[in-house]
Amino acid sequence: MIQRIQTLYLVLAAAISAGLIFVFHLWTNDEGLKVYAQDNIYYFGLFLGSAVLSLISIFSYKNRKSQFVLGRLNIILNFILLGVFVYQSLNLSGETSVSEKGIGILLPIFSIVCLVLANKAIKKDEDLVKSVDRLR
């Protein structure tokens, strides 16, 4: 059932992970240049991996258990991405490469919120189906 609320949350998470990385910069380096996610292949790959997992999860609506597992894997992937950003911005000594942090560093947090809401809705659907099956 593709018209469920979790589909909206998953589409929003995919849009954040695949679309907004081109709009918002991650940080500004010491030369004043804005660094975007597509400038680093690892960040770009992690963001696109998150978007692909969201899209796969949307189209696996017939198997809610796998949809729920894919949502959890996507949450873990976004936590890894957030951890890499925190490590990059806090562990560097002084002003070596990260001069000013951008809003792009917060994109995994927004994606995590959407994914948690989607998993909550998936769990609610699964519980509803189980309760109806008990009545048969």
C-alpha atoms as a PDB file:
ATOM      1  CA  MET A   1       0.000   0.000   0.000  1.00  0.00           C
ATOM      2  CA  ILE A   2       2.010   2.837  -1.332  1.00  0.00           C
ATOM      3  CA  GLN A   3      -0.415   5.563  -0.213  1.00  0.00           C
ATOM      4  CA  ARG A   4       0.426   5.207   3.481  1.00  0.00           C
ATOM      5  CA  ILE A   5       1.956   7.901   5.701  1.00  0.00           C
ATOM      6  CA  GLN A   6       5.255   6.028   5.953  1.00  0.00           C
ATOM      7  CA  THR A   7       5.664   6.475   2.197  1.00  0.00           C
ATOM      8  CA  LEU A   8       5.528  10.232   2.682  1.00  0.00           C
ATOM      9  CA  TYR A   9       8.167  10.046   5.414  1.00  0.00           C
ATOM     10  CA  LEU A  10      10.390   7.810   3.291  1.00  0.00           C
ATOM     11  CA  VAL A  11      10.056  10.095   0.250  1.00  0.00           C
ATOM     12  CA  LEU A  12      10.954  13.046   2.475  1.00  0.00           C
ATOM     13  CA  ALA A  13      14.014  11.180   3.802  1.00  0.00           C
ATOM     14  CA  ALA A  14      15.074  10.305   0.239  1.00  0.00           C
ATOM     15  CA  ALA A  15      14.623  13.934  -0.858  1.00  0.00           C
ATOM     16  CA  ILE A  16      16.727  15.132   2.047  1.00  0.00           C
ATOM     17  CA  SER A  17      19.474  12.603   1.338  1.00  0.00           C
ATOM     18  CA  ALA A  18      19.540  12.945  -2.442  1.00  0.00           C
ATOM     19  CA  GLY A  19      18.302  16.450  -3.196  1.00  0.00           C
ATOM     20  CA  LEU A  20      19.244  18.815  -0.431  1.00  0.00           C
ATOM     21  CA  ILE A  21      22.923  17.822  -0.495  1.00  0.00           C
ATOM     22  CA  PHE A  22      23.227  19.875  -3.676  1.00  0.00           C
ATOM     23  CA  VAL A  23      21.553  22.905  -2.081  1.00  0.00           C
ATOM     24  CA  PHE A  24      23.161  23.182   1.361  1.00  0.00           C
ATOM     25  CA  HIS A  25      26.907  23.213   1.940  1.00  0.00           C
ATOM     26  CA  LEU A  26      28.549  21.113   4.633  1.00  0.00           C
ATOM     27  CA  TRP A  27      31.135  23.654   5.710  1.00  0.00           C
ATOM     28  CA  THR A  28      33.304  26.481   4.501  1.00  0.00           C
ATOM     29  CA  ASN A  29      37.018  25.780   4.381  1.00  0.00           C
ATOM     30  CA  ASP A  30      39.763  28.190   5.380  1.00  0.00           C
ATOM     31  CA  GLU A  31      40.025  29.610   1.823  1.00  0.00           C
ATOM     32  CA  GLY A  32      36.360  30.633   1.953  1.00  0.00           C
ATOM     33  CA  LEU A  33      35.168  27.953  -0.467  1.00  0.00           C
ATOM     34  CA  LYS A  34      31.943  26.139   0.350  1.00  0.00           C
ATOM     35  CA  VAL A  35      32.317  22.364   0.518  1.00  0.00           C
ATOM     36  CA  TYR A  36      29.338  20.338  -0.678  1.00  0.00           C
ATOM     37  CA  ALA A  37      28.728  16.609  -0.258  1.00  0.00           C
ATOM     38  CA  GLN A  38      29.478  15.872  -3.926  1.00  0.00           C
ATOM     39  CA  ASP A  39      32.995  17.256  -3.450  1.00  0.00           C
ATOM     40  CA  ASN A  40      33.928  14.216  -1.336  1.00  0.00           C
ATOM     41  CA  ILE A  41      33.109  10.797  -2.797  1.00  0.00           C
ATOM     42  CA  TYR A  42      32.606   9.183   0.626  1.00  0.00           C
ATOM     43  CA  TYR A  43      30.044  11.715   1.827  1.00  0.00           C
ATOM     44  CA  PHE A  44      28.314  11.622  -1.534  1.00  0.00           C
ATOM     45  CA  GLY A  45      28.201   7.826  -1.480  1.00  0.00           C
ATOM     46  CA  LEU A  46      26.789   7.711   2.046  1.00  0.00           C
ATOM     47  CA  PHE A  47      24.089  10.252   1.206  1.00  0.00           C
ATOM     48  CA  LEU A  48      23.126   8.449  -1.991  1.00  0.00           C
ATOM     49  CA  GLY A  49      23.169   5.101  -0.171  1.00  0.00           C
ATOM     50  CA  SER A  50      20.701   6.516   2.309  1.00  0.00           C
ATOM     51  CA  ALA A  51      18.463   7.763  -0.509  1.00  0.00           C
ATOM     52  CA  VAL A  52      18.592   4.411  -2.296  1.00  0.00           C
ATOM     53  CA  LEU A  53      17.708   2.554   0.914  1.00  0.00           C
ATOM     54  CA  SER A  54      14.720   4.865   1.381  1.00  0.00           C
ATOM     55  CA  LEU A  55      13.519   4.253  -2.167  1.00  0.00           C
ATOM     56  CA  ILE A  56      13.950   0.483  -1.850  1.00  0.00           C
ATOM     57  CA  SER A  57      12.024   0.621   1.401  1.00  0.00           C
ATOM     58  CA  ILE A  58       9.175   2.499  -0.287  1.00  0.00           C
ATOM     59  CA  PHE A  59       8.717  -0.205  -2.910  1.00  0.00           C
ATOM     60  CA  SER A  60       8.958  -3.112  -0.485  1.00  0.00           C
ATOM     61  CA  TYR A  61       5.578  -2.218   1.004  1.00  0.00           C
ATOM     62  CA  LYS A  62       4.257  -5.782   0.656  1.00  0.00           C
ATOM     63  CA  ASN A  63       6.814  -7.074   3.137  1.00  0.00           C
ATOM     64  CA  ARG A  64       6.560  -4.801   6.152  1.00  0.00           C
ATOM     65  CA  LYS A  65       9.223  -6.659   8.115  1.00  0.00           C
ATOM     66  CA  SER A  66      11.864  -6.074   5.469  1.00  0.00           C
ATOM     67  CA  GLN A  67      10.658  -2.492   5.129  1.00  0.00           C
ATOM     68  CA  PHE A  68      11.170  -2.024   8.861  1.00  0.00           C
ATOM     69  CA  VAL A  69      14.658  -3.596   8.709  1.00  0.00           C
ATOM     70  CA  LEU A  70      15.642  -1.394   5.762  1.00  0.00           C
ATOM     71  CA  GLY A  71      14.481   1.637   7.737  1.00  0.00           C
ATOM     72  CA  ARG A  72      16.664   0.634  10.663  1.00  0.00           C
ATOM     73  CA  LEU A  73      19.666   0.073   8.389  1.00  0.00           C
ATOM     74  CA  ASN A  74      19.075   3.509   6.914  1.00  0.00           C
ATOM     75  CA  ILE A  75      18.963   5.039  10.396  1.00  0.00           C
ATOM     76  CA  ILE A  76      22.283   3.348  11.226  1.00  0.00           C
ATOM     77  CA  LEU A  77      23.776   4.643   7.958  1.00  0.00           C
ATOM     78  CA  ASN A  78      22.671   8.183   8.793  1.00  0.00           C
ATOM     79  CA  PHE A  79      24.138   7.887  12.302  1.00  0.00           C
ATOM     80  CA  ILE A  80      27.440   6.806  10.738  1.00  0.00           C
ATOM     81  CA  LEU A  81      27.289   9.816   8.419  1.00  0.00           C
ATOM     82  CA  LEU A  82      26.513  12.113  11.343  1.00  0.00           C
ATOM     83  CA  GLY A  83      29.384  10.601  13.331  1.00  0.00           C
ATOM     84  CA  VAL A  84      31.784  11.214  10.442  1.00  0.00           C
ATOM     85  CA  PHE A  85      30.668  14.848  10.291  1.00  0.00           C
ATOM     86  CA  VAL A  86      31.085  15.318  14.041  1.00  0.00           C
ATOM     87  CA  TYR A  87      34.518  13.682  13.920  1.00  0.00           C
ATOM     88  CA  GLN A  88      35.526  15.856  10.968  1.00  0.00           C
ATOM     89  CA  SER A  89      34.441  19.065  12.632  1.00  0.00           C
ATOM     90  CA  LEU A  90      35.596  18.421  16.216  1.00  0.00           C
ATOM     91  CA  ASN A  91      38.753  16.340  15.932  1.00  0.00           C
ATOM     92  CA  LEU A  92      40.669  18.623  13.627  1.00  0.00           C
ATOM     93  CA  SER A  93      43.136  20.841  15.358  1.00  0.00           C
ATOM     94  CA  GLY A  94      42.344  24.502  15.109  1.00  0.00           C
ATOM     95  CA  GLU A  95      41.080  25.916  11.847  1.00  0.00           C
ATOM     96  CA  THR A  96      42.848  23.534   9.501  1.00  0.00           C
ATOM     97  CA  SER A  97      40.126  22.543   7.084  1.00  0.00           C
ATOM     98  CA  VAL A  98      36.737  23.330   8.602  1.00  0.00           C
ATOM     99  CA  SER A  99      36.334  27.023   9.164  1.00  0.00           C
ATOM    100  CA  GLU A 100      32.575  27.469   9.343  1.00  0.00           C
ATOM    101  CA  LYS A 101      30.011  24.703   9.616  1.00  0.00           C
ATOM    102  CA  GLY A 102      27.044  24.732   7.259  1.00  0.00           C
ATOM    103  CA  ILE A 103      23.501  23.489   7.579  1.00  0.00           C
ATOM    104  CA  GLY A 104      24.362  20.459   5.457  1.00  0.00           C
ATOM    105  CA  ILE A 105      25.861  18.797   8.522  1.00  0.00           C
ATOM    106  CA  LEU A 106      22.349  18.674  10.028  1.00  0.00           C
ATOM    107  CA  LEU A 107      20.795  16.867   7.047  1.00  0.00           C
ATOM    108  CA  PRO A 108      21.360  13.375   8.524  1.00  0.00           C
ATOM    109  CA  ILE A 109      19.475  14.436  11.667  1.00  0.00           C
ATOM    110  CA  PHE A 110      16.439  15.486   9.619  1.00  0.00           C
ATOM    111  CA  SER A 111      16.644  12.246   7.681  1.00  0.00           C
ATOM    112  CA  ILE A 112      16.837  10.222  10.909  1.00  0.00           C
ATOM    113  CA  VAL A 113      13.699  11.943  12.237  1.00  0.00           C
ATOM    114  CA  CYS A 114      11.785  11.101   9.049  1.00  0.00           C
ATOM    115  CA  LEU A 115      13.002   7.496   9.139  1.00  0.00           C
ATOM    116  CA  VAL A 116      12.028   7.041  12.784  1.00  0.00           C
ATOM    117  CA  LEU A 117       8.534   8.351  12.028  1.00  0.00           C
ATOM    118  CA  ALA A 118       8.298   6.002   9.025  1.00  0.00           C
ATOM    119  CA  ASN A 119       9.369   3.012  11.131  1.00  0.00           C
ATOM    120  CA  LYS A 120       6.814   3.948  13.769  1.00  0.00           C
ATOM    121  CA  ALA A 121       4.064   3.979  11.119  1.00  0.00           C
ATOM    122  CA  ILE A 122       5.280   0.663   9.666  1.00  0.00           C
ATOM    123  CA  LYS A 123       5.205  -0.905  13.126  1.00  0.00           C
ATOM    124  CA  LYS A 124       1.697   0.445  13.665  1.00  0.00           C
ATOM    125  CA  ASP A 125       0.541  -1.130  10.373  1.00  0.00           C
ATOM    126  CA  GLU A 126       2.147  -4.449  11.281  1.00  0.00           C
ATOM    127  CA  ASP A 127       0.419  -4.463  14.670  1.00  0.00           C
ATOM    128  CA  LEU A 128      -2.905  -3.685  12.996  1.00  0.00           C
ATOM    129  CA  VAL A 129      -2.531  -6.578  10.559  1.00  0.00           C
ATOM    130  CA  LYS A 130      -1.578  -8.940  13.399  1.00  0.00           C
ATOM    131  CA  SER A 131      -4.643  -7.904  15.418  1.00  0.00           C
ATOM    132  CA  VAL A 132      -6.926  -8.496  12.434  1.00  0.00           C
ATOM    133  CA  ASP A 133      -5.336 -11.910  11.829  1.00  0.00           C
ATOM    134  CA  ARG A 134      -6.159 -12.910  15.407  1.00  0.00           C
ATOM    135  CA  LEU A 135      -9.843 -12.363  14.719  1.00  0.00           C
ATOM    136  CA  ARG A 136      -9.925 -14.805  11.780  1.00  0.00           C
END
